[in-house]
Every structure is written in structure tokens, then in C-alpha cells.
Amino acid sequence: QVQLVESGGGLVQPGESLRLSCTAPKYLFSILVMGWYRQLPGGERELVAQIGIGDTPKYAESVKDRFAISRDNAVNTMYLQMNSLKSEDTGVYYCRAVRVGRGDVYWGQGTQVSVSS
């Protein structure tokens, strides 16, 4: 069983920042395509950002000038730096990993991000 461990959610005011982290097993991390998804209240789970292995990160249009995804293979962790947060960013954020070659998909447990004044 592959476990993804997320952290960093919380309650902030509009315009503030948060950083999410997702740690995957060290023996797999270098062959995982990593991404962040979110589920907004009443909505479907949607892609926020994705980072592969050596390629250009991809972003949802609604976040691409405010969020930045990165990965640090040395500590088998992916990050999502979220700046200029808006109330419409409120939701549960999930870490997702896809194993290259086999296509296995793994999900984290989700972390709540709430943006409110």
C-alpha cells in the first residue's frame, strides 16, 4: 500500500499564502508523476497543478499566476505554494501520484484549505 502524506492546509484570509506538502515513499518518488487536485464545495475533483519528471509543470487556468508546484527528489516531497488566495480556492486539496510505466494511481487523504475574511 503506497501512502501519500499531505500537510499544510488551514484557514487564511484572502490575499494570504499557504504551502502544501505531499510526501511519497522514497523508493518510488523518482518515478511518480505528481499532482494536486482539489474538490470545491459542491463540485467535482479537479486538477490544480501537475509536475512530471523533468518536464514543465501544468496549471489550471484559474491558478496559474498564483500557485507554484515543485518537487524535491532529495526529500521525496512535492509542494504547492499558493499565493494571493481567494475565497473561491476554498476546498479539500488532494495529492495524487501516478507511477510511470505501470499507471498505478495513488491519492492522499486530503487537506482542507479555507480562505475567508
Protein backbone atom coordinates (compact mmCIF):
# COMPACT_ATOMS: atom_id res chain seq x y z
CA GLN A 1 0.00 0.00 0.00
CA VAL A 2 1.51 3.30 -1.12
CA GLN A 3 0.80 6.13 1.27
CA LEU A 4 0.89 9.81 0.37
CA VAL A 5 1.07 12.12 3.36
CA GLU A 6 -0.19 15.67 2.97
CA SER A 7 0.21 18.66 5.22
CA GLY A 8 -0.08 22.43 5.20
CA GLY A 9 -3.77 23.20 4.88
CA GLY A 10 -5.52 25.69 7.09
CA LEU A 11 -7.60 28.83 7.36
CA VAL A 12 -6.26 32.08 5.89
CA GLN A 13 -7.63 35.43 4.81
CA PRO A 14 -7.97 36.47 1.17
CA GLY A 15 -4.64 37.55 -0.27
CA GLU A 16 -2.58 35.40 2.07
CA SER A 17 -0.45 32.38 1.26
CA LEU A 18 -0.22 28.72 2.17
CA ARG A 19 2.17 25.94 1.21
CA LEU A 20 1.00 22.37 0.91
CA SER A 21 3.36 19.41 1.10
CA CYS A 22 2.97 15.82 -0.03
CA THR A 23 5.47 13.13 0.89
CA ALA A 24 5.62 9.85 -1.01
CA PRO A 25 7.70 6.72 -0.39
CA LYS A 26 11.33 7.38 -1.18
CA TYR A 27 11.78 4.24 -3.27
CA LEU A 28 9.02 5.38 -5.67
CA PHE A 29 9.27 9.15 -5.75
CA SER A 30 11.59 9.48 -8.73
CA ILE A 31 9.18 7.53 -10.95
CA LEU A 32 6.00 9.28 -9.90
CA VAL A 33 4.17 11.96 -11.81
CA MET A 34 2.84 14.16 -9.01
CA GLY A 35 -0.11 16.47 -8.91
CA TRP A 36 -2.52 18.44 -6.77
CA TYR A 37 -6.26 18.19 -7.19
CA ARG A 38 -8.99 19.97 -5.31
CA GLN A 39 -12.64 19.49 -4.63
CA LEU A 40 -14.51 22.71 -4.15
CA PRO A 41 -17.78 22.75 -2.19
CA GLY A 42 -20.45 21.10 -4.31
CA GLY A 43 -18.01 20.45 -7.13
CA GLU A 44 -16.09 17.67 -8.81
CA ARG A 45 -12.45 16.94 -8.08
CA GLU A 46 -10.34 18.98 -10.48
CA LEU A 47 -6.70 19.28 -11.43
CA VAL A 48 -4.87 22.22 -9.88
CA ALA A 49 -1.29 21.56 -10.93
CA GLN A 50 0.89 18.70 -12.08
CA ILE A 51 4.62 18.14 -12.20
CA GLY A 52 6.23 15.25 -14.00
CA ILE A 53 9.77 14.02 -14.18
CA GLY A 54 11.86 16.67 -15.85
CA ASP A 55 9.05 18.35 -17.74
CA THR A 56 7.24 21.66 -17.50
CA PRO A 57 4.62 21.94 -14.76
CA LYS A 58 1.00 22.34 -15.78
CA TYR A 59 -1.59 24.51 -14.07
CA ALA A 60 -5.30 25.08 -14.13
CA GLU A 61 -6.08 28.40 -15.72
CA SER A 62 -7.62 29.70 -12.51
CA VAL A 63 -4.40 29.32 -10.52
CA LYS A 64 -1.51 29.57 -12.94
CA ASP A 65 -0.38 33.07 -12.00
CA ARG A 66 -0.78 32.48 -8.26
CA PHE A 67 0.25 28.90 -7.48
CA ALA A 68 3.58 27.17 -8.00
CA ILE A 69 4.16 23.42 -7.90
CA SER A 70 7.59 21.94 -7.22
CA ARG A 71 9.21 18.72 -6.16
CA ASP A 72 12.32 17.87 -4.19
CA ASN A 73 13.51 14.37 -5.00
CA ALA A 74 16.08 14.52 -2.20
CA VAL A 75 13.33 14.54 0.42
CA ASN A 76 10.67 12.77 -1.71
CA THR A 77 8.26 15.65 -1.30
CA MET A 78 6.09 17.73 -3.60
CA TYR A 79 4.94 21.24 -2.75
CA LEU A 80 2.22 23.63 -3.78
CA GLN A 81 2.92 27.25 -2.98
CA MET A 82 -0.37 29.11 -3.04
CA ASN A 83 -0.24 32.89 -3.12
CA SER A 84 -2.93 35.55 -3.37
CA LEU A 85 -5.52 33.10 -2.16
CA LYS A 86 -9.16 33.79 -2.92
CA SER A 87 -12.35 32.61 -1.27
CA GLU A 88 -13.05 30.51 -4.37
CA ASP A 89 -9.90 28.49 -3.64
CA THR A 90 -11.61 27.04 -0.58
CA GLY A 91 -11.85 23.28 -0.75
CA VAL A 92 -10.17 19.99 0.01
CA TYR A 93 -6.81 19.58 -1.71
CA TYR A 94 -5.56 16.12 -2.63
CA CYS A 95 -2.14 14.90 -3.58
CA ARG A 96 -2.12 12.43 -6.48
CA ALA A 97 0.69 10.31 -7.82
CA VAL A 98 0.90 8.16 -10.93
CA ARG A 99 3.58 5.54 -11.25
CA VAL A 100 5.35 5.84 -14.59
CA GLY A 101 5.21 2.68 -16.65
CA ARG A 102 2.58 0.87 -14.60
CA GLY A 103 -0.02 3.61 -14.42
CA ASP A 104 -0.92 2.92 -10.78
CA VAL A 105 -2.69 5.90 -9.22
CA TYR A 106 -2.34 6.87 -5.57
CA TRP A 107 -4.20 9.52 -3.58
CA GLY A 108 -3.54 11.34 -0.36
CA GLN A 109 -6.14 11.74 2.33
CA GLY A 110 -6.85 15.38 1.51
CA THR A 111 -6.19 18.59 3.39
CA GLN A 112 -8.67 21.41 3.92
CA VAL A 113 -7.86 24.88 2.63
CA SER A 114 -10.24 27.62 3.76
CA VAL A 115 -9.97 31.21 2.59
CA SER A 116 -12.25 33.59 4.43
CA SER A 117 -12.23 37.02 5.96
